[in-house]
Amino acid sequence: MRGARRAAAPTEVPREAVSRPRAGGGRSRGGTIILRPRPRLSVLIDRRSVLVALLLLALLLVGMAASACLGQTYISPTEVWRTLRTGSGPYDLVVNELRVPRIVLGALVGAAFGLSGALVQTVTRNPLASPDVIGVGHGAAAATVLALATGVVSSPGAMPLVSVGGGLVAAALVHVLVWRRGMQTGRFVLVGVGIGVALSAVVQLYLTDSELGAAEQVKLWLTGSLNGRGWQQAGPLGVVLLVCLPALAWASRAARPLGFDADTAAALGVRVDRVRLGLTLLGVVLAATATGAAGPIGFVALTSPQLARRLTRTPQLPLLCSALTGAVVLVAADLTARTLLPPLEIPVGALTSLVGGPYLLWLLGRRATAR
């Protein structure tokens, strides 16, 4: 009995010796901070991602300030701030009516494209994928062209809604054709490319048979431009981004298991097809809304997630940094397009395509070398 009692004694641990995590406490492991506001809730924050996000935010603010000052008429930062604060003055028209709404719209469109590209590339697991691959931009263009050709929609304010509807219909068509016993990313990309080519043919057919004035209007929209756009387009896009915030918070967590193959993710209890469908739907809504606001601006959704990933060095595409990168890229591109060849303004979509084309070729060459 005494031996049994002595053997059992070491198994008894005093209650005071057990360490319990405090509510609101945190620990650090390497470059990751683990926050535990509740005993069953853990939030992972990567230090490098936080620093990169702060740096991108600072660059965005600097770019927006520079864009408000520079142009055909230079306005000092002091005058810009005074005009914004008072809402009057000699530069009220240039600052409050022309530049500031355009700058805000550019930042929102860039953020929406960056988020959409990150979501689509997460679903397809392909850095060459973008919303254009699944026909969003081509669907929006075809819907806009058909609306102009038939005269169904004559109000300029209704054209963004037409573009959004066309993008959603094109993406839905791709999903209907792809969804056979689950969604395979290879077939997803191929069907999206095929739908995009067919819709591009519809647009080209209209351009060859339409009047010169209508054709020029469609061509200008197809290049993607922020010229002549402002709060009327920025307001709805901002509302969509705010409404999508809870879904984006879910997406940042749901996208983590998709870094594994489908079998591994399913073994972890993840409903892969449902998660992919939800991420794709969210990305389509963001891309279609951004396209309706500014036109199909190319390569922002393609390049922003990959640039953000290389800056943060995270295993998955960071949504917040992708949004900030897209906003910085588009604001800087619009500033360059306005000031590069004054008094001529280059459409920002043409400039992003000119820069994004070599990046795409470099990315293709790098993937070929890796294989």
Protein backbone atom coordinates (compact mmCIF):
# COMPACT_ATOMS: atom_id res chain seq x y z
CA MET A 1 0.00 0.00 0.00
CA ARG A 2 2.81 2.37 0.85
CA GLY A 3 4.53 1.59 -2.46
CA ALA A 4 1.33 2.18 -4.34
CA ARG A 5 0.84 5.52 -2.63
CA ARG A 6 4.40 6.61 -3.40
CA ALA A 7 4.03 5.65 -7.07
CA ALA A 8 0.78 7.57 -7.37
CA ALA A 9 2.11 10.70 -5.67
CA PRO A 10 4.04 12.13 -8.66
CA THR A 11 0.91 12.03 -10.87
CA GLU A 12 -0.84 14.60 -8.70
CA VAL A 13 -0.17 18.13 -9.98
CA PRO A 14 -1.08 21.14 -7.84
CA ARG A 15 -3.66 23.40 -9.40
CA GLU A 16 -1.39 26.41 -8.97
CA ALA A 17 1.31 24.81 -11.13
CA VAL A 18 -0.92 24.62 -14.23
CA SER A 19 -0.40 27.66 -16.43
CA ARG A 20 -3.52 28.91 -18.16
CA PRO A 21 -3.54 31.48 -20.95
CA ARG A 22 -5.08 34.75 -19.88
CA ALA A 23 -7.91 36.27 -21.85
CA GLY A 24 -6.47 38.89 -24.16
CA GLY A 25 -2.95 37.54 -23.79
CA GLY A 26 -0.59 36.76 -26.61
CA ARG A 27 2.56 34.91 -27.50
CA SER A 28 5.11 35.23 -30.27
CA ARG A 29 6.53 32.46 -32.40
CA GLY A 30 9.18 33.65 -34.79
CA GLY A 31 7.57 36.20 -37.11
CA THR A 32 4.01 35.35 -36.11
CA ILE A 33 2.06 36.84 -33.23
CA ILE A 34 -0.66 34.62 -31.73
CA LEU A 35 -3.45 36.62 -30.10
CA ARG A 36 -5.95 34.88 -27.82
CA PRO A 37 -8.78 37.26 -26.95
CA ARG A 38 -10.80 34.21 -25.87
CA PRO A 39 -9.69 30.73 -24.74
CA ARG A 40 -11.06 29.11 -27.94
CA LEU A 41 -10.22 31.87 -30.42
CA SER A 42 -6.77 32.39 -31.96
CA VAL A 43 -5.79 35.03 -34.49
CA LEU A 44 -2.54 34.76 -36.44
CA ILE A 45 -0.85 38.01 -37.37
CA ASP A 46 2.30 37.89 -39.46
CA ARG A 47 4.67 40.70 -38.53
CA ARG A 48 6.04 41.11 -42.03
CA SER A 49 2.53 41.30 -43.47
CA VAL A 50 1.62 44.05 -41.00
CA LEU A 51 4.74 46.03 -41.87
CA VAL A 52 4.13 45.61 -45.60
CA ALA A 53 0.50 46.69 -45.20
CA LEU A 54 1.57 49.84 -43.32
CA LEU A 55 4.18 50.59 -45.98
CA LEU A 56 1.66 50.14 -48.79
CA LEU A 57 -0.84 52.35 -46.98
CA ALA A 58 1.80 55.07 -46.63
CA LEU A 59 2.66 54.78 -50.35
CA LEU A 60 -1.03 54.99 -51.22
CA LEU A 61 -1.50 58.19 -49.20
CA VAL A 62 1.62 59.72 -50.77
CA GLY A 63 0.43 58.77 -54.25
CA MET A 64 -3.04 60.21 -53.64
CA ALA A 65 -1.55 63.45 -52.33
CA ALA A 66 0.81 63.73 -55.32
CA SER A 67 -2.05 63.04 -57.72
CA ALA A 68 -4.10 65.82 -56.12
CA CYS A 69 -1.24 68.30 -56.58
CA LEU A 70 0.11 67.38 -60.02
CA GLY A 71 -1.53 67.87 -63.39
CA GLN A 72 -1.85 70.52 -66.07
CA THR A 73 -2.25 72.97 -63.18
CA TYR A 74 0.12 72.49 -60.27
CA ILE A 75 -1.45 73.11 -56.88
CA SER A 76 0.64 73.20 -53.73
CA PRO A 77 -0.17 70.78 -50.92
CA THR A 78 -1.16 73.71 -48.71
CA GLU A 79 -3.70 74.93 -51.25
CA VAL A 80 -5.04 71.42 -51.73
CA TRP A 81 -5.57 70.97 -48.00
CA ARG A 82 -7.19 74.42 -47.66
CA THR A 83 -9.54 73.67 -50.55
CA LEU A 84 -10.51 70.29 -49.10
CA ARG A 85 -11.07 71.77 -45.66
CA THR A 86 -13.09 74.83 -46.71
CA GLY A 87 -14.77 73.46 -49.84
CA SER A 88 -14.21 76.73 -51.66
CA GLY A 89 -11.46 78.80 -53.19
CA PRO A 90 -9.88 79.32 -56.62
CA TYR A 91 -9.03 75.61 -56.97
CA ASP A 92 -12.37 74.23 -55.81
CA LEU A 93 -13.36 72.94 -59.26
CA VAL A 94 -10.02 71.28 -59.97
CA VAL A 95 -9.54 69.71 -56.53
CA ASN A 96 -13.03 68.85 -55.28
CA GLU A 97 -14.79 68.17 -58.57
CA LEU A 98 -12.11 66.73 -60.88
CA ARG A 99 -9.11 65.28 -59.06
CA VAL A 100 -10.25 64.03 -55.66
CA PRO A 101 -13.24 61.97 -56.90
CA ARG A 102 -11.03 60.46 -59.61
CA ILE A 103 -8.30 59.61 -57.09
CA VAL A 104 -10.74 57.97 -54.68
CA LEU A 105 -12.32 56.00 -57.52
CA GLY A 106 -8.90 54.83 -58.70
CA ALA A 107 -7.99 53.59 -55.22
CA LEU A 108 -11.30 51.74 -54.85
CA VAL A 109 -11.10 50.17 -58.31
CA GLY A 110 -7.51 49.08 -57.71
CA ALA A 111 -8.41 47.56 -54.35
CA ALA A 112 -11.37 45.70 -55.86
CA PHE A 113 -9.26 44.31 -58.71
CA GLY A 114 -6.49 43.31 -56.30
CA LEU A 115 -8.92 41.42 -54.08
CA SER A 116 -10.63 39.78 -57.05
CA GLY A 117 -7.33 38.64 -58.53
CA ALA A 118 -6.20 37.17 -55.20
CA LEU A 119 -9.45 35.23 -54.81
CA VAL A 120 -9.43 33.86 -58.37
CA GLN A 121 -5.76 32.86 -58.18
CA THR A 122 -6.40 31.15 -54.86
CA VAL A 123 -9.23 29.11 -56.38
CA THR A 124 -7.35 28.19 -59.54
CA ARG A 125 -3.94 27.87 -57.81
CA ASN A 126 -2.51 29.54 -60.89
CA PRO A 127 -0.58 32.86 -60.80
CA LEU A 128 -1.51 33.44 -64.45
CA ALA A 129 -5.24 33.53 -63.67
CA SER A 130 -7.26 36.71 -63.32
CA PRO A 131 -10.95 37.70 -63.49
CA ASP A 132 -10.58 38.10 -67.23
CA VAL A 133 -9.87 34.37 -67.47
CA ILE A 134 -13.35 33.55 -66.24
CA GLY A 135 -14.93 36.03 -68.66
CA VAL A 136 -15.85 38.84 -66.26
CA GLY A 137 -14.29 41.66 -68.29
CA HIS A 138 -15.46 40.23 -71.61
CA GLY A 139 -18.98 39.71 -70.28
CA ALA A 140 -19.14 43.30 -69.02
CA ALA A 141 -17.87 44.59 -72.38
CA ALA A 142 -20.37 42.53 -74.37
CA ALA A 143 -23.28 43.66 -72.18
CA THR A 144 -22.26 47.30 -72.55
CA VAL A 145 -21.93 46.98 -76.31
CA LEU A 146 -25.32 45.30 -76.66
CA ALA A 147 -26.95 47.94 -74.50
CA LEU A 148 -25.50 50.71 -76.69
CA ALA A 149 -26.37 48.91 -79.91
CA THR A 150 -30.00 48.19 -79.04
CA GLY A 151 -30.64 51.43 -77.17
CA VAL A 152 -32.17 49.58 -74.24
CA VAL A 153 -30.18 51.66 -71.76
CA SER A 154 -29.61 55.30 -72.64
CA SER A 155 -28.72 56.75 -69.22
CA PRO A 156 -24.96 56.95 -68.55
CA GLY A 157 -25.56 56.27 -64.87
CA ALA A 158 -27.14 52.90 -65.65
CA MET A 159 -24.22 51.63 -67.75
CA PRO A 160 -22.20 50.39 -64.72
CA LEU A 161 -25.17 48.24 -63.70
CA VAL A 162 -25.27 46.77 -67.20
CA SER A 163 -21.56 45.99 -67.01
CA VAL A 164 -21.94 44.29 -63.63
CA GLY A 165 -24.83 42.20 -64.93
CA GLY A 166 -22.84 41.13 -67.98
CA GLY A 167 -19.86 40.09 -65.89
CA LEU A 168 -22.01 38.05 -63.52
CA VAL A 169 -23.83 36.31 -66.38
CA ALA A 170 -20.52 35.41 -68.09
CA ALA A 171 -19.08 33.99 -64.87
CA ALA A 172 -22.28 32.03 -64.20
CA LEU A 173 -22.11 30.57 -67.71
CA VAL A 174 -18.55 29.44 -67.13
CA HIS A 175 -19.55 27.73 -63.87
CA VAL A 176 -22.51 25.97 -65.49
CA LEU A 177 -20.25 24.53 -68.19
CA VAL A 178 -17.49 23.61 -65.72
CA TRP A 179 -19.53 22.11 -62.88
CA ARG A 180 -19.46 18.39 -63.53
CA ARG A 181 -18.76 16.28 -60.48
CA GLY A 182 -16.96 19.16 -58.87
CA MET A 183 -14.95 22.06 -60.21
CA GLN A 184 -11.56 21.27 -61.72
CA THR A 185 -9.27 24.27 -62.07
CA GLY A 186 -7.82 23.19 -65.42
CA ARG A 187 -11.22 22.92 -67.08
CA PHE A 188 -12.27 26.10 -65.28
CA VAL A 189 -9.52 28.14 -66.95
CA LEU A 190 -10.02 26.60 -70.41
CA VAL A 191 -13.78 27.18 -70.44
CA GLY A 192 -13.26 30.74 -69.22
CA VAL A 193 -10.83 31.47 -72.04
CA GLY A 194 -13.27 30.03 -74.58
CA ILE A 195 -16.17 32.14 -73.28
CA GLY A 196 -13.96 35.22 -73.31
CA VAL A 197 -12.95 34.68 -76.94
CA ALA A 198 -16.59 34.26 -77.99
CA LEU A 199 -17.65 37.43 -76.20
CA SER A 200 -14.72 39.36 -77.69
CA ALA A 201 -15.94 38.33 -81.14
CA VAL A 202 -19.36 39.82 -80.32
CA VAL A 203 -17.73 43.12 -79.38
CA GLN A 204 -15.59 43.21 -82.52
CA LEU A 205 -18.62 42.48 -84.69
CA TYR A 206 -20.43 45.45 -83.22
CA LEU A 207 -17.44 47.75 -83.72
CA THR A 208 -17.19 46.88 -87.42
CA ASP A 209 -20.89 47.56 -88.14
CA SER A 210 -21.64 50.50 -85.83
CA GLU A 211 -21.48 54.22 -86.42
CA LEU A 212 -18.22 56.06 -85.85
CA GLY A 213 -19.35 57.98 -82.77
CA ALA A 214 -20.75 54.92 -80.99
CA ALA A 215 -17.70 52.86 -81.92
CA GLU A 216 -15.33 55.48 -80.48
CA GLN A 217 -17.32 55.57 -77.26
CA VAL A 218 -17.14 51.79 -76.92
CA LYS A 219 -13.42 51.75 -77.72
CA LEU A 220 -12.72 54.34 -75.04
CA TRP A 221 -14.65 52.30 -72.49
CA LEU A 222 -12.87 49.10 -73.52
CA THR A 223 -9.44 50.60 -72.83
CA GLY A 224 -10.42 51.42 -69.24
CA SER A 225 -10.22 55.01 -68.07
CA LEU A 226 -10.90 57.14 -64.99
CA ASN A 227 -11.35 60.30 -67.02
CA GLY A 228 -14.75 61.89 -66.52
CA ARG A 229 -15.66 59.59 -63.64
CA GLY A 230 -16.14 60.52 -60.02
CA TRP A 231 -18.45 60.13 -57.03
CA GLN A 232 -21.25 58.67 -59.15
CA GLN A 233 -19.11 55.59 -59.77
CA ALA A 234 -17.06 55.64 -56.56
CA GLY A 235 -20.11 55.63 -54.26
CA PRO A 236 -21.63 52.30 -55.39
CA LEU A 237 -18.21 50.64 -55.53
CA GLY A 238 -17.42 51.78 -51.99
CA VAL A 239 -20.75 50.41 -50.77
CA VAL A 240 -20.04 47.05 -52.41
CA LEU A 241 -16.62 46.86 -50.73
CA LEU A 242 -18.13 47.66 -47.33
CA VAL A 243 -20.86 45.06 -47.78
CA CYS A 244 -18.26 42.47 -48.79
CA LEU A 245 -16.08 43.02 -45.70
CA PRO A 246 -17.63 40.15 -43.68
CA ALA A 247 -17.32 37.85 -46.69
CA LEU A 248 -13.68 38.90 -47.14
CA ALA A 249 -12.99 38.11 -43.49
CA TRP A 250 -14.44 34.64 -44.09
CA ALA A 251 -12.45 34.29 -47.32
CA SER A 252 -9.12 35.05 -45.65
CA ARG A 253 -9.70 32.12 -43.31
CA ALA A 254 -11.42 29.73 -45.74
CA ALA A 255 -8.71 30.13 -48.38
CA ARG A 256 -5.94 28.67 -46.21
CA PRO A 257 -6.74 24.96 -46.77
CA LEU A 258 -6.91 25.51 -50.54
CA GLY A 259 -3.13 25.75 -50.55
CA PHE A 260 -3.13 21.95 -50.28
CA ASP A 261 -4.42 19.65 -52.98
CA ALA A 262 -8.14 18.85 -53.07
CA ASP A 263 -7.79 15.44 -51.39
CA THR A 264 -5.76 16.81 -48.47
CA ALA A 265 -8.16 19.72 -47.96
CA ALA A 266 -11.12 17.32 -48.03
CA ALA A 267 -9.39 15.08 -45.48
CA LEU A 268 -9.13 18.11 -43.19
CA GLY A 269 -12.90 18.46 -43.30
CA VAL A 270 -13.05 21.30 -45.84
CA ARG A 271 -15.88 21.31 -48.36
CA VAL A 272 -13.62 22.23 -51.23
CA ASP A 273 -16.24 22.79 -53.93
CA ARG A 274 -18.36 25.03 -51.73
CA VAL A 275 -15.37 27.07 -50.62
CA ARG A 276 -14.20 27.49 -54.21
CA LEU A 277 -17.66 28.52 -55.32
CA GLY A 278 -17.93 31.09 -52.54
CA LEU A 279 -14.50 32.58 -53.24
CA THR A 280 -15.16 32.70 -56.97
CA LEU A 281 -18.54 34.39 -56.49
CA LEU A 282 -16.99 37.01 -54.24
CA GLY A 283 -14.19 37.65 -56.70
CA VAL A 284 -16.64 37.94 -59.62
CA VAL A 285 -18.79 40.48 -57.78
CA LEU A 286 -15.76 42.65 -56.97
CA ALA A 287 -14.31 42.45 -60.48
CA ALA A 288 -17.66 43.09 -62.19
CA THR A 289 -18.38 46.11 -60.00
CA ALA A 290 -14.91 47.55 -60.62
CA THR A 291 -15.25 46.95 -64.35
CA GLY A 292 -18.61 48.69 -64.39
CA ALA A 293 -17.11 51.70 -62.63
CA ALA A 294 -13.97 52.22 -64.76
CA GLY A 295 -14.03 49.73 -67.62
CA PRO A 296 -11.91 46.60 -68.10
CA ILE A 297 -8.53 47.78 -66.78
CA GLY A 298 -6.14 44.98 -67.54
CA PHE A 299 -3.33 43.33 -65.55
CA VAL A 300 -4.09 45.00 -62.18
CA ALA A 301 -5.88 41.89 -60.93
CA LEU A 302 -3.13 39.70 -62.40
CA THR A 303 -0.07 41.46 -60.97
CA SER A 304 -1.24 42.85 -57.61
CA PRO A 305 -1.65 39.51 -55.73
CA GLN A 306 1.72 38.22 -56.90
CA LEU A 307 3.49 41.45 -55.97
CA ALA A 308 1.85 41.36 -52.54
CA ARG A 309 2.87 37.75 -52.04
CA ARG A 310 6.47 38.48 -52.91
CA LEU A 311 6.51 41.42 -50.49
CA THR A 312 4.97 39.53 -47.57
CA ARG A 313 6.57 36.13 -48.33
CA THR A 314 3.48 34.33 -47.08
CA PRO A 315 2.44 30.85 -48.25
CA GLN A 316 -0.96 32.11 -49.39
CA LEU A 317 -2.05 35.26 -51.19
CA PRO A 318 -2.65 38.06 -48.62
CA LEU A 319 -6.00 39.73 -49.27
CA LEU A 320 -5.34 43.01 -47.46
CA CYS A 321 -1.92 43.54 -49.04
CA SER A 322 -3.33 42.55 -52.45
CA ALA A 323 -6.01 45.23 -52.11
CA LEU A 324 -3.48 47.87 -51.05
CA THR A 325 -1.10 46.87 -53.84
CA GLY A 326 -3.87 47.17 -56.43
CA ALA A 327 -4.82 50.60 -55.09
CA VAL A 328 -1.20 51.81 -55.17
CA VAL A 329 -0.64 50.45 -58.70
CA LEU A 330 -3.77 52.03 -60.16
CA VAL A 331 -3.33 55.42 -58.45
CA ALA A 332 0.29 55.58 -59.64
CA ALA A 333 -0.69 54.46 -63.14
CA ASP A 334 -3.43 57.08 -63.38
CA LEU A 335 -1.06 59.81 -62.20
CA THR A 336 1.48 58.76 -64.83
CA ALA A 337 -1.21 58.60 -67.52
CA ARG A 338 -2.32 62.16 -66.72
CA THR A 339 1.13 63.74 -66.56
CA LEU A 340 3.27 61.73 -69.00
CA LEU A 341 2.29 63.52 -72.24
CA PRO A 342 0.51 66.75 -71.31
CA PRO A 343 -2.03 67.96 -72.33
CA LEU A 344 -2.87 64.47 -73.66
CA GLU A 345 -4.30 61.99 -71.17
CA ILE A 346 -3.52 58.33 -71.82
CA PRO A 347 -6.25 55.88 -70.75
CA VAL A 348 -5.03 54.19 -67.61
CA GLY A 349 -6.02 50.77 -68.98
CA ALA A 350 -3.65 51.22 -71.91
CA LEU A 351 -0.79 52.09 -69.56
CA THR A 352 -1.38 49.14 -67.24
CA SER A 353 -1.54 46.80 -70.24
CA LEU A 354 1.71 48.26 -71.57
CA VAL A 355 3.46 47.57 -68.25
CA GLY A 356 1.65 44.31 -67.46
CA GLY A 357 2.45 42.65 -70.78
CA PRO A 358 6.21 42.31 -70.11
CA TYR A 359 5.43 41.14 -66.57
CA LEU A 360 3.21 38.38 -67.96
CA LEU A 361 5.96 37.29 -70.37
CA TRP A 362 8.47 37.24 -67.49
CA LEU A 363 6.10 35.17 -65.37
CA LEU A 364 5.55 32.70 -68.21
CA GLY A 365 9.30 32.38 -68.74
CA ARG A 366 9.91 31.82 -65.06
CA ARG A 367 7.30 29.05 -64.88
CA ALA A 368 8.78 27.39 -67.96
CA THR A 369 12.26 27.51 -66.41
CA ALA A 370 10.95 26.07 -63.13
CA ARG A 371 9.51 23.08 -64.97
